[in-house]
């Protein structure tokens, strides 16, 4: 299955318009349509990252290189998003995570 087919299926499953996706990732509606129709080839890594974040899937899943379980895909997506945050925010999220882990061990 191609990137075009995957993108369209994800967009329709979320009941979003081309404009919804375009607005979310900072692209034009025309460009999203070109990607979905297969007219635009080789999108940039930056655009793929934005699309993957928008659809909440790993880039590998978006381009058809992985058949990982949804749980693993969420972890990959979250890790990618964490790497985009400033160090201070990552430290705060790490503190929250450690707190959750301690609580689970106590239960």
PDB file of N, CA and C in Angstrom:
ATOM      1  N   UNK A   1       0.847  -1.172   0.000  1.00  0.00           N
ATOM      2  CA  UNK A   1       0.000   0.000   0.000  1.00  0.00           C
ATOM      3  C   UNK A   1       0.900   1.246   0.000  1.00  0.00           C
ATOM      4  N   UNK A   2       0.560   2.208  -0.815  1.00  0.00           N
ATOM      5  CA  UNK A   2       1.385   3.409  -0.970  1.00  0.00           C
ATOM      6  C   UNK A   2       1.090   4.442   0.110  1.00  0.00           C
ATOM      7  N   UNK A   3       1.989   5.417   0.216  1.00  0.00           N
ATOM      8  CA  UNK A   3       1.792   6.543   1.127  1.00  0.00           C
ATOM      9  C   UNK A   3       0.465   7.226   0.816  1.00  0.00           C
ATOM     10  N   UNK A   4       0.175   7.415  -0.455  1.00  0.00           N
ATOM     11  CA  UNK A   4      -1.059   8.085  -0.860  1.00  0.00           C
ATOM     12  C   UNK A   4      -2.289   7.361  -0.318  1.00  0.00           C
ATOM     13  N   UNK A   5      -2.324   6.065  -0.465  1.00  0.00           N
ATOM     14  CA  UNK A   5      -3.470   5.265  -0.023  1.00  0.00           C
ATOM     15  C   UNK A   5      -3.570   5.293   1.503  1.00  0.00           C
ATOM     16  N   UNK A   6      -2.434   5.167   2.187  1.00  0.00           N
ATOM     17  CA  UNK A   6      -2.439   5.192   3.650  1.00  0.00           C
ATOM     18  C   UNK A   6      -2.936   6.530   4.180  1.00  0.00           C
ATOM     19  N   UNK A   7      -2.410   7.618   3.607  1.00  0.00           N
ATOM     20  CA  UNK A   7      -2.814   8.951   4.058  1.00  0.00           C
ATOM     21  C   UNK A   7      -4.313   9.152   3.910  1.00  0.00           C
ATOM     22  N   UNK A   8      -4.822   8.792   2.764  1.00  0.00           N
ATOM     23  CA  UNK A   8      -6.256   8.993   2.518  1.00  0.00           C
ATOM     24  C   UNK A   8      -7.087   8.151   3.472  1.00  0.00           C
ATOM     25  N   UNK A   9      -6.681   6.908   3.687  1.00  0.00           N
ATOM     26  CA  UNK A   9      -7.418   6.025   4.595  1.00  0.00           C
ATOM     27  C   UNK A   9      -7.401   6.585   6.019  1.00  0.00           C
ATOM     28  N   UNK A  10      -6.256   7.060   6.461  1.00  0.00           N
ATOM     29  CA  UNK A  10      -6.159   7.627   7.815  1.00  0.00           C
ATOM     30  C   UNK A  10      -7.024   8.877   7.946  1.00  0.00           C
ATOM     31  N   UNK A  11      -6.968   9.710   6.935  1.00  0.00           N
ATOM     32  CA  UNK A  11      -7.746  10.956   6.969  1.00  0.00           C
ATOM     33  C   UNK A  11      -9.241  10.646   7.007  1.00  0.00           C
ATOM     34  N   UNK A  12      -9.682   9.729   6.162  1.00  0.00           N
ATOM     35  CA  UNK A  12     -11.099   9.385   6.121  1.00  0.00           C
ATOM     36  C   UNK A  12     -11.552   8.696   7.407  1.00  0.00           C
ATOM     37  N   UNK A  13     -10.696   7.852   7.968  1.00  0.00           N
ATOM     38  CA  UNK A  13     -11.021   7.169   9.218  1.00  0.00           C
ATOM     39  C   UNK A  13     -11.235   8.191  10.341  1.00  0.00           C
ATOM     40  N   UNK A  14     -10.484   9.291  10.289  1.00  0.00           N
ATOM     41  CA  UNK A  14     -10.626  10.344  11.300  1.00  0.00           C
ATOM     42  C   UNK A  14     -11.706  11.366  10.922  1.00  0.00           C
ATOM     43  N   UNK A  15     -12.319  11.149   9.767  1.00  0.00           N
ATOM     44  CA  UNK A  15     -13.371  12.042   9.262  1.00  0.00           C
ATOM     45  C   UNK A  15     -12.878  13.479   9.156  1.00  0.00           C
ATOM     46  N   UNK A  16     -11.704  13.630   8.578  1.00  0.00           N
ATOM     47  CA  UNK A  16     -11.111  14.947   8.379  1.00  0.00           C
ATOM     48  C   UNK A  16     -11.123  15.307   6.901  1.00  0.00           C
ATOM     49  N   UNK A  17     -11.170  16.576   6.650  1.00  0.00           N
ATOM     50  CA  UNK A  17     -11.080  17.059   5.271  1.00  0.00           C
ATOM     51  C   UNK A  17      -9.608  17.254   4.917  1.00  0.00           C
ATOM     52  N   UNK A  18      -9.352  17.434   3.635  1.00  0.00           N
ATOM     53  CA  UNK A  18      -7.997  17.774   3.200  1.00  0.00           C
ATOM     54  C   UNK A  18      -7.536  19.048   3.907  1.00  0.00           C
ATOM     55  N   UNK A  19      -8.447  19.999   4.037  1.00  0.00           N
ATOM     56  CA  UNK A  19      -8.111  21.270   4.683  1.00  0.00           C
ATOM     57  C   UNK A  19      -7.776  21.082   6.161  1.00  0.00           C
ATOM     58  N   UNK A  20      -8.480  20.186   6.839  1.00  0.00           N
ATOM     59  CA  UNK A  20      -8.181  19.909   8.250  1.00  0.00           C
ATOM     60  C   UNK A  20      -6.734  19.445   8.413  1.00  0.00           C
ATOM     61  N   UNK A  21      -6.330  18.500   7.572  1.00  0.00           N
ATOM     62  CA  UNK A  21      -4.964  17.981   7.647  1.00  0.00           C
ATOM     63  C   UNK A  21      -3.967  19.074   7.290  1.00  0.00           C
ATOM     64  N   UNK A  22      -4.247  19.798   6.220  1.00  0.00           N
ATOM     65  CA  UNK A  22      -3.349  20.868   5.781  1.00  0.00           C
ATOM     66  C   UNK A  22      -3.154  21.906   6.872  1.00  0.00           C
ATOM     67  N   UNK A  23      -4.238  22.335   7.494  1.00  0.00           N
ATOM     68  CA  UNK A  23      -4.144  23.337   8.562  1.00  0.00           C
ATOM     69  C   UNK A  23      -3.347  22.810   9.748  1.00  0.00           C
ATOM     70  N   UNK A  24      -3.549  21.551  10.079  1.00  0.00           N
ATOM     71  CA  UNK A  24      -2.881  20.958  11.228  1.00  0.00           C
ATOM     72  C   UNK A  24      -1.366  20.886  11.055  1.00  0.00           C
ATOM     73  N   UNK A  25      -0.914  20.627   9.839  1.00  0.00           N
ATOM     74  CA  UNK A  25       0.532  20.442   9.637  1.00  0.00           C
ATOM     75  C   UNK A  25       1.204  21.633   8.971  1.00  0.00           C
ATOM     76  N   UNK A  26       0.430  22.658   8.624  1.00  0.00           N
ATOM     77  CA  UNK A  26       1.018  23.851   8.021  1.00  0.00           C
ATOM     78  C   UNK A  26       1.362  23.682   6.550  1.00  0.00           C
ATOM     79  N   UNK A  27       0.527  22.956   5.836  1.00  0.00           N
ATOM     80  CA  UNK A  27       0.733  22.755   4.396  1.00  0.00           C
ATOM     81  C   UNK A  27      -0.507  23.257   3.669  1.00  0.00           C
ATOM     82  N   UNK A  28      -0.428  23.282   2.364  1.00  0.00           N
ATOM     83  CA  UNK A  28      -1.606  23.697   1.587  1.00  0.00           C
ATOM     84  C   UNK A  28      -2.519  22.494   1.340  1.00  0.00           C
ATOM     85  N   UNK A  29      -3.782  22.795   1.163  1.00  0.00           N
ATOM     86  CA  UNK A  29      -4.759  21.758   0.844  1.00  0.00           C
ATOM     87  C   UNK A  29      -4.368  21.067  -0.457  1.00  0.00           C
ATOM     88  N   UNK A  30      -3.879  21.843  -1.409  1.00  0.00           N
ATOM     89  CA  UNK A  30      -3.463  21.289  -2.697  1.00  0.00           C
ATOM     90  C   UNK A  30      -2.338  20.280  -2.525  1.00  0.00           C
ATOM     91  N   UNK A  31      -1.387  20.612  -1.653  1.00  0.00           N
ATOM     92  CA  UNK A  31      -0.254  19.700  -1.456  1.00  0.00           C
ATOM     93  C   UNK A  31      -0.714  18.388  -0.816  1.00  0.00           C
ATOM     94  N   UNK A  32      -1.623  18.470   0.135  1.00  0.00           N
ATOM     95  CA  UNK A  32      -2.151  17.247   0.750  1.00  0.00           C
ATOM     96  C   UNK A  32      -2.875  16.416  -0.306  1.00  0.00           C
ATOM     97  N   UNK A  33      -3.669  17.071  -1.147  1.00  0.00           N
ATOM     98  CA  UNK A  33      -4.367  16.361  -2.220  1.00  0.00           C
ATOM     99  C   UNK A  33      -3.365  15.704  -3.173  1.00  0.00           C
ATOM    100  N   UNK A  34      -2.290  16.429  -3.515  1.00  0.00           N
ATOM    101  CA  UNK A  34      -1.271  15.862  -4.406  1.00  0.00           C
ATOM    102  C   UNK A  34      -0.617  14.641  -3.784  1.00  0.00           C
ATOM    103  N   UNK A  35      -0.363  14.681  -2.475  1.00  0.00           N
ATOM    104  CA  UNK A  35       0.217  13.521  -1.790  1.00  0.00           C
ATOM    105  C   UNK A  35      -0.757  12.344  -1.800  1.00  0.00           C
ATOM    106  N   UNK A  36      -2.017  12.620  -1.504  1.00  0.00           N
ATOM    107  CA  UNK A  36      -3.027  11.556  -1.466  1.00  0.00           C
ATOM    108  C   UNK A  36      -3.317  10.961  -2.837  1.00  0.00           C
ATOM    109  N   UNK A  37      -3.173  11.764  -3.858  1.00  0.00           N
ATOM    110  CA  UNK A  37      -3.461  11.261  -5.204  1.00  0.00           C
ATOM    111  C   UNK A  37      -2.228  10.639  -5.855  1.00  0.00           C
ATOM    112  N   UNK A  38      -1.088  10.705  -5.176  1.00  0.00           N
ATOM    113  CA  UNK A  38       0.143  10.135  -5.712  1.00  0.00           C
ATOM    114  C   UNK A  38       0.850  11.029  -6.705  1.00  0.00           C
ATOM    115  N   UNK A  39       0.380  12.254  -6.877  1.00  0.00           N
ATOM    116  CA  UNK A  39       1.010  13.179  -7.821  1.00  0.00           C
ATOM    117  C   UNK A  39       2.293  13.782  -7.264  1.00  0.00           C
ATOM    118  N   UNK A  40       2.347  13.972  -5.950  1.00  0.00           N
ATOM    119  CA  UNK A  40       3.563  14.481  -5.304  1.00  0.00           C
ATOM    120  C   UNK A  40       4.342  13.285  -4.784  1.00  0.00           C
ATOM    121  N   UNK A  41       5.578  13.203  -5.133  1.00  0.00           N
ATOM    122  CA  UNK A  41       6.437  12.093  -4.718  1.00  0.00           C
ATOM    123  C   UNK A  41       7.516  12.605  -3.776  1.00  0.00           C
ATOM    124  N   UNK A  42       8.057  11.717  -2.963  1.00  0.00           N
ATOM    125  CA  UNK A  42       9.177  12.011  -2.082  1.00  0.00           C
ATOM    126  C   UNK A  42       8.972  13.233  -1.187  1.00  0.00           C
ATOM    127  N   UNK A  43       7.984  13.198  -0.293  1.00  0.00           N
ATOM    128  CA  UNK A  43       7.812  14.315   0.636  1.00  0.00           C
ATOM    129  C   UNK A  43       9.026  14.410   1.557  1.00  0.00           C
ATOM    130  N   UNK A  44       9.278  15.591   2.065  1.00  0.00           N
ATOM    131  CA  UNK A  44      10.427  15.801   2.951  1.00  0.00           C
ATOM    132  C   UNK A  44      10.228  15.051   4.267  1.00  0.00           C
ATOM    133  N   UNK A  45      11.325  14.807   4.954  1.00  0.00           N
ATOM    134  CA  UNK A  45      11.258  14.159   6.261  1.00  0.00           C
ATOM    135  C   UNK A  45      10.461  15.034   7.225  1.00  0.00           C
ATOM    136  N   UNK A  46      10.612  16.339   7.117  1.00  0.00           N
ATOM    137  CA  UNK A  46       9.862  17.257   7.978  1.00  0.00           C
ATOM    138  C   UNK A  46       8.358  17.091   7.765  1.00  0.00           C
ATOM    139  N   UNK A  47       7.943  17.008   6.515  1.00  0.00           N
ATOM    140  CA  UNK A  47       6.520  16.837   6.223  1.00  0.00           C
ATOM    141  C   UNK A  47       6.020  15.473   6.690  1.00  0.00           C
ATOM    142  N   UNK A  48       6.805  14.435   6.467  1.00  0.00           N
ATOM    143  CA  UNK A  48       6.416  13.102   6.938  1.00  0.00           C
ATOM    144  C   UNK A  48       6.275  13.075   8.455  1.00  0.00           C
ATOM    145  N   UNK A  49       7.179  13.763   9.140  1.00  0.00           N
ATOM    146  CA  UNK A  49       7.121  13.832  10.599  1.00  0.00           C
ATOM    147  C   UNK A  49       5.841  14.521  11.045  1.00  0.00           C
ATOM    148  N   UNK A  50       5.509  15.626  10.399  1.00  0.00           N
ATOM    149  CA  UNK A  50       4.278  16.344  10.751  1.00  0.00           C
ATOM    150  C   UNK A  50       3.044  15.481  10.483  1.00  0.00           C
ATOM    151  N   UNK A  51       3.033  14.790   9.362  1.00  0.00           N
ATOM    152  CA  UNK A  51       1.902  13.911   9.038  1.00  0.00           C
ATOM    153  C   UNK A  51       1.790  12.763  10.049  1.00  0.00           C
ATOM    154  N   UNK A  52       2.917  12.163  10.376  1.00  0.00           N
ATOM    155  CA  UNK A  52       2.916  11.061  11.341  1.00  0.00           C
ATOM    156  C   UNK A  52       2.416  11.537  12.701  1.00  0.00           C
ATOM    157  N   UNK A  53       2.860  12.704  13.125  1.00  0.00           N
ATOM    158  CA  UNK A  53       2.385  13.249  14.397  1.00  0.00           C
ATOM    159  C   UNK A  53       0.891  13.534  14.338  1.00  0.00           C
ATOM    160  N   UNK A  54       0.449  14.084  13.235  1.00  0.00           N
ATOM    161  CA  UNK A  54      -0.968  14.396  13.086  1.00  0.00           C
ATOM    162  C   UNK A  54      -1.826  13.130  13.163  1.00  0.00           C
ATOM    163  N   UNK A  55      -1.410  12.097  12.452  1.00  0.00           N
ATOM    164  CA  UNK A  55      -2.181  10.857  12.426  1.00  0.00           C
ATOM    165  C   UNK A  55      -1.849   9.923  13.588  1.00  0.00           C
ATOM    166  N   UNK A  56      -0.880  10.334  14.416  1.00  0.00           N
ATOM    167  CA  UNK A  56      -0.473   9.567  15.595  1.00  0.00           C
ATOM    168  C   UNK A  56       0.016   8.168  15.248  1.00  0.00           C
ATOM    169  N   UNK A  57       0.904   8.124  14.264  1.00  0.00           N
ATOM    170  CA  UNK A  57       1.534   6.870  13.854  1.00  0.00           C
ATOM    171  C   UNK A  57       3.020   7.136  13.653  1.00  0.00           C
ATOM    172  N   UNK A  58       3.845   6.092  13.734  1.00  0.00           N
ATOM    173  CA  UNK A  58       5.258   6.284  13.422  1.00  0.00           C
ATOM    174  C   UNK A  58       5.438   6.530  11.920  1.00  0.00           C
ATOM    175  N   UNK A  59       6.487   7.198  11.572  1.00  0.00           N
ATOM    176  CA  UNK A  59       6.774   7.470  10.154  1.00  0.00           C
ATOM    177  C   UNK A  59       6.849   6.151   9.390  1.00  0.00           C
ATOM    178  N   UNK A  60       7.471   5.141   9.977  1.00  0.00           N
ATOM    179  CA  UNK A  60       7.601   3.848   9.299  1.00  0.00           C
ATOM    180  C   UNK A  60       6.247   3.278   8.914  1.00  0.00           C
ATOM    181  N   UNK A  61       5.273   3.447   9.768  1.00  0.00           N
ATOM    182  CA  UNK A  61       3.936   2.950   9.471  1.00  0.00           C
ATOM    183  C   UNK A  61       3.298   3.767   8.353  1.00  0.00           C
ATOM    184  N   UNK A  62       3.523   5.066   8.380  1.00  0.00           N
ATOM    185  CA  UNK A  62       2.956   5.950   7.364  1.00  0.00           C
ATOM    186  C   UNK A  62       3.467   5.601   5.971  1.00  0.00           C
ATOM    187  N   UNK A  63       4.742   5.260   5.873  1.00  0.00           N
ATOM    188  CA  UNK A  63       5.316   4.953   4.562  1.00  0.00           C
ATOM    189  C   UNK A  63       5.326   3.454   4.248  1.00  0.00           C
ATOM    190  N   UNK A  64       4.770   2.652   5.161  1.00  0.00           N
ATOM    191  CA  UNK A  64       4.594   1.230   4.877  1.00  0.00           C
ATOM    192  C   UNK A  64       5.804   0.365   5.123  1.00  0.00           C
ATOM    193  N   UNK A  65       6.685   0.768   6.018  1.00  0.00           N
ATOM    194  CA  UNK A  65       7.872  -0.034   6.295  1.00  0.00           C
ATOM    195  C   UNK A  65       7.753  -0.880   7.550  1.00  0.00           C
ATOM    196  N   UNK A  66       6.606  -0.821   8.233  1.00  0.00           N
ATOM    197  CA  UNK A  66       6.489  -1.534   9.493  1.00  0.00           C
ATOM    198  C   UNK A  66       5.079  -2.060   9.699  1.00  0.00           C
ATOM    199  N   UNK A  67       4.992  -3.227  10.290  1.00  0.00           N
ATOM    200  CA  UNK A  67       3.701  -3.788  10.672  1.00  0.00           C
ATOM    201  C   UNK A  67       3.641  -3.983  12.186  1.00  0.00           C
ATOM    202  N   UNK A  68       4.254  -3.053  12.937  1.00  0.00           N
ATOM    203  CA  UNK A  68       4.278  -3.171  14.394  1.00  0.00           C
ATOM    204  C   UNK A  68       2.876  -3.050  14.960  1.00  0.00           C
ATOM    205  N   UNK A  69       2.737  -3.552  16.170  1.00  0.00           N
ATOM    206  CA  UNK A  69       1.458  -3.433  16.861  1.00  0.00           C
ATOM    207  C   UNK A  69       1.187  -1.971  17.201  1.00  0.00           C
ATOM    208  N   UNK A  70      -0.066  -1.630  17.351  1.00  0.00           N
ATOM    209  CA  UNK A  70      -0.457  -0.245  17.647  1.00  0.00           C
ATOM    210  C   UNK A  70       0.201   0.265  18.921  1.00  0.00           C
ATOM    211  N   UNK A  71       0.353  -0.590  19.906  1.00  0.00           N
ATOM    212  CA  UNK A  71       0.971  -0.177  21.169  1.00  0.00           C
ATOM    213  C   UNK A  71       2.396   0.307  20.930  1.00  0.00           C
ATOM    214  N   UNK A  72       3.171  -0.449  20.167  1.00  0.00           N
ATOM    215  CA  UNK A  72       4.542  -0.066  19.864  1.00  0.00           C
ATOM    216  C   UNK A  72       4.584   1.200  19.022  1.00  0.00           C
ATOM    217  N   UNK A  73       3.629   1.360  18.122  1.00  0.00           N
ATOM    218  CA  UNK A  73       3.569   2.544  17.277  1.00  0.00           C
ATOM    219  C   UNK A  73       3.340   3.794  18.115  1.00  0.00           C
ATOM    220  N   UNK A  74       2.496   3.677  19.124  1.00  0.00           N
ATOM    221  CA  UNK A  74       2.254   4.813  20.003  1.00  0.00           C
ATOM    222  C   UNK A  74       3.531   5.197  20.750  1.00  0.00           C
ATOM    223  N   UNK A  75       4.282   4.202  21.188  1.00  0.00           N
ATOM    224  CA  UNK A  75       5.529   4.485  21.896  1.00  0.00           C
ATOM    225  C   UNK A  75       6.532   5.191  20.992  1.00  0.00           C
ATOM    226  N   UNK A  76       6.637   4.753  19.767  1.00  0.00           N
ATOM    227  CA  UNK A  76       7.547   5.386  18.818  1.00  0.00           C
ATOM    228  C   UNK A  76       7.125   6.830  18.568  1.00  0.00           C
ATOM    229  N   UNK A  77       5.841   7.050  18.377  1.00  0.00           N
ATOM    230  CA  UNK A  77       5.324   8.402  18.142  1.00  0.00           C
ATOM    231  C   UNK A  77       5.594   9.299  19.342  1.00  0.00           C
ATOM    232  N   UNK A  78       5.319   8.778  20.550  1.00  0.00           N
ATOM    233  CA  UNK A  78       5.536   9.587  21.752  1.00  0.00           C
ATOM    234  C   UNK A  78       7.016   9.918  21.933  1.00  0.00           C
ATOM    235  N   UNK A  79       7.888   8.957  21.660  1.00  0.00           N
ATOM    236  CA  UNK A  79       9.318   9.213  21.777  1.00  0.00           C
ATOM    237  C   UNK A  79       9.755  10.304  20.801  1.00  0.00           C
ATOM    238  N   UNK A  80       9.259  10.240  19.575  1.00  0.00           N
ATOM    239  CA  UNK A  80       9.601  11.246  18.578  1.00  0.00           C
ATOM    240  C   UNK A  80       9.137  12.630  19.035  1.00  0.00           C
ATOM    241  N   UNK A  81       7.944  12.697  19.590  1.00  0.00           N
ATOM    242  CA  UNK A  81       7.431  13.978  20.053  1.00  0.00           C
ATOM    243  C   UNK A  81       8.209  14.479  21.265  1.00  0.00           C
ATOM    244  N   UNK A  82       8.601  13.579  22.146  1.00  0.00           N
ATOM    245  CA  UNK A  82       9.407  13.983  23.305  1.00  0.00           C
ATOM    246  C   UNK A  82      10.737  14.586  22.880  1.00  0.00           C
ATOM    247  N   UNK A  83      11.326  14.039  21.839  1.00  0.00           N
ATOM    248  CA  UNK A  83      12.630  14.538  21.397  1.00  0.00           C
ATOM    249  C   UNK A  83      12.543  15.962  20.856  1.00  0.00           C
ATOM    250  N   UNK A  84      11.344  16.423  20.548  1.00  0.00           N
ATOM    251  CA  UNK A  84      11.155  17.775  20.043  1.00  0.00           C
ATOM    252  C   UNK A  84      10.990  18.802  21.161  1.00  0.00           C
ATOM    253  N   UNK A  85      10.826  18.323  22.389  1.00  0.00           N
ATOM    254  CA  UNK A  85      10.604  19.221  23.519  1.00  0.00           C
ATOM    255  C   UNK A  85      11.932  19.715  24.098  1.00  0.00           C
ATOM    256  N   UNK A  86      11.895  20.872  24.749  1.00  0.00           N
ATOM    257  CA  UNK A  86      13.104  21.351  25.439  1.00  0.00           C
ATOM    258  C   UNK A  86      13.460  20.415  26.599  1.00  0.00           C
ATOM    259  N   UNK A  87      14.712  20.418  26.983  1.00  0.00           N
ATOM    260  CA  UNK A  87      15.215  19.536  28.040  1.00  0.00           C
ATOM    261  C   UNK A  87      14.413  19.682  29.332  1.00  0.00           C
ATOM    262  N   UNK A  88      14.051  20.897  29.695  1.00  0.00           N
ATOM    263  CA  UNK A  88      13.292  21.141  30.924  1.00  0.00           C
ATOM    264  C   UNK A  88      11.950  20.410  30.887  1.00  0.00           C
ATOM    265  N   UNK A  89      11.261  20.455  29.751  1.00  0.00           N
ATOM    266  CA  UNK A  89       9.972  19.770  29.616  1.00  0.00           C
ATOM    267  C   UNK A  89      10.144  18.253  29.638  1.00  0.00           C
ATOM    268  N   UNK A  90      11.215  17.773  29.010  1.00  0.00           N
ATOM    269  CA  UNK A  90      11.468  16.325  29.027  1.00  0.00           C
ATOM    270  C   UNK A  90      11.736  15.855  30.446  1.00  0.00           C
ATOM    271  N   UNK A  91      12.463  16.668  31.226  1.00  0.00           N
ATOM    272  CA  UNK A  91      12.749  16.308  32.617  1.00  0.00           C
ATOM    273  C   UNK A  91      11.460  16.245  33.426  1.00  0.00           C
ATOM    274  N   UNK A  92      10.555  17.168  33.181  1.00  0.00           N
ATOM    275  CA  UNK A  92       9.270  17.169  33.882  1.00  0.00           C
ATOM    276  C   UNK A  92       8.470  15.915  33.531  1.00  0.00           C
ATOM    277  N   UNK A  93       8.432  15.561  32.267  1.00  0.00           N
ATOM    278  CA  UNK A  93       7.706  14.364  31.845  1.00  0.00           C
ATOM    279  C   UNK A  93       8.351  13.116  32.425  1.00  0.00           C
ATOM    280  N   UNK A  94       9.678  13.093  32.504  1.00  0.00           N
ATOM    281  CA  UNK A  94      10.371  11.962  33.111  1.00  0.00           C
ATOM    282  C   UNK A  94       9.989  11.838  34.588  1.00  0.00           C
ATOM    283  N   UNK A  95       9.903  12.966  35.285  1.00  0.00           N
ATOM    284  CA  UNK A  95       9.476  12.933  36.686  1.00  0.00           C
ATOM    285  C   UNK A  95       8.077  12.343  36.818  1.00  0.00           C
ATOM    286  N   UNK A  96       7.164  12.762  35.935  1.00  0.00           N
ATOM    287  CA  UNK A  96       5.806  12.212  35.962  1.00  0.00           C
ATOM    288  C   UNK A  96       5.813  10.707  35.717  1.00  0.00           C
ATOM    289  N   UNK A  97       6.592  10.280  34.750  1.00  0.00           N
ATOM    290  CA  UNK A  97       6.683   8.862  34.427  1.00  0.00           C
ATOM    291  C   UNK A  97       7.213   8.064  35.619  1.00  0.00           C
ATOM    292  N   UNK A  98       8.258   8.571  36.262  1.00  0.00           N
ATOM    293  CA  UNK A  98       8.819   7.871  37.427  1.00  0.00           C
ATOM    294  C   UNK A  98       7.802   7.792  38.556  1.00  0.00           C
ATOM    295  N   UNK A  99       7.002   8.842  38.715  1.00  0.00           N
ATOM    296  CA  UNK A  99       5.952   8.845  39.732  1.00  0.00           C
ATOM    297  C   UNK A  99       4.912   7.761  39.445  1.00  0.00           C
ATOM    298  N   UNK A 100       4.496   7.635  38.195  1.00  0.00           N
ATOM    299  CA  UNK A 100       3.544   6.579  37.819  1.00  0.00           C
ATOM    300  C   UNK A 100       4.126   5.196  38.065  1.00  0.00           C
ATOM    301  N   UNK A 101       5.376   5.017  37.735  1.00  0.00           N
ATOM    302  CA  UNK A 101       6.017   3.709  37.921  1.00  0.00           C
ATOM    303  C   UNK A 101       6.060   3.364  39.408  1.00  0.00           C
ATOM    304  N   UNK A 102       6.424   4.315  40.265  1.00  0.00           N
ATOM    305  CA  UNK A 102       6.461   4.059  41.708  1.00  0.00           C
ATOM    306  C   UNK A 102       5.072   3.673  42.226  1.00  0.00           C
ATOM    307  N   UNK A 103       4.046   4.395  41.775  1.00  0.00           N
ATOM    308  CA  UNK A 103       2.680   4.089  42.228  1.00  0.00           C
ATOM    309  C   UNK A 103       2.251   2.688  41.826  1.00  0.00           C
ATOM    310  N   UNK A 104       2.612   2.283  40.624  1.00  0.00           N
ATOM    311  CA  UNK A 104       2.223   0.931  40.161  1.00  0.00           C
ATOM    312  C   UNK A 104       2.920  -0.143  40.983  1.00  0.00           C
ATOM    313  N   UNK A 105       4.167   0.108  41.349  1.00  0.00           N
ATOM    314  CA  UNK A 105       4.899  -0.872  42.159  1.00  0.00           C
ATOM    315  C   UNK A 105       4.292  -0.994  43.549  1.00  0.00           C
ATOM    316  N   UNK A 106       3.741   0.119  44.050  1.00  0.00           N
ATOM    317  CA  UNK A 106       3.142   0.123  45.397  1.00  0.00           C
ATOM    318  C   UNK A 106       1.782  -0.575  45.425  1.00  0.00           C
ATOM    319  N   UNK A 107       1.158  -0.705  44.305  1.00  0.00           N
ATOM    320  CA  UNK A 107      -0.192  -1.314  44.260  1.00  0.00           C
ATOM    321  C   UNK A 107      -0.145  -2.812  44.339  1.00  0.00           C
TER     322      UNK A 107
END
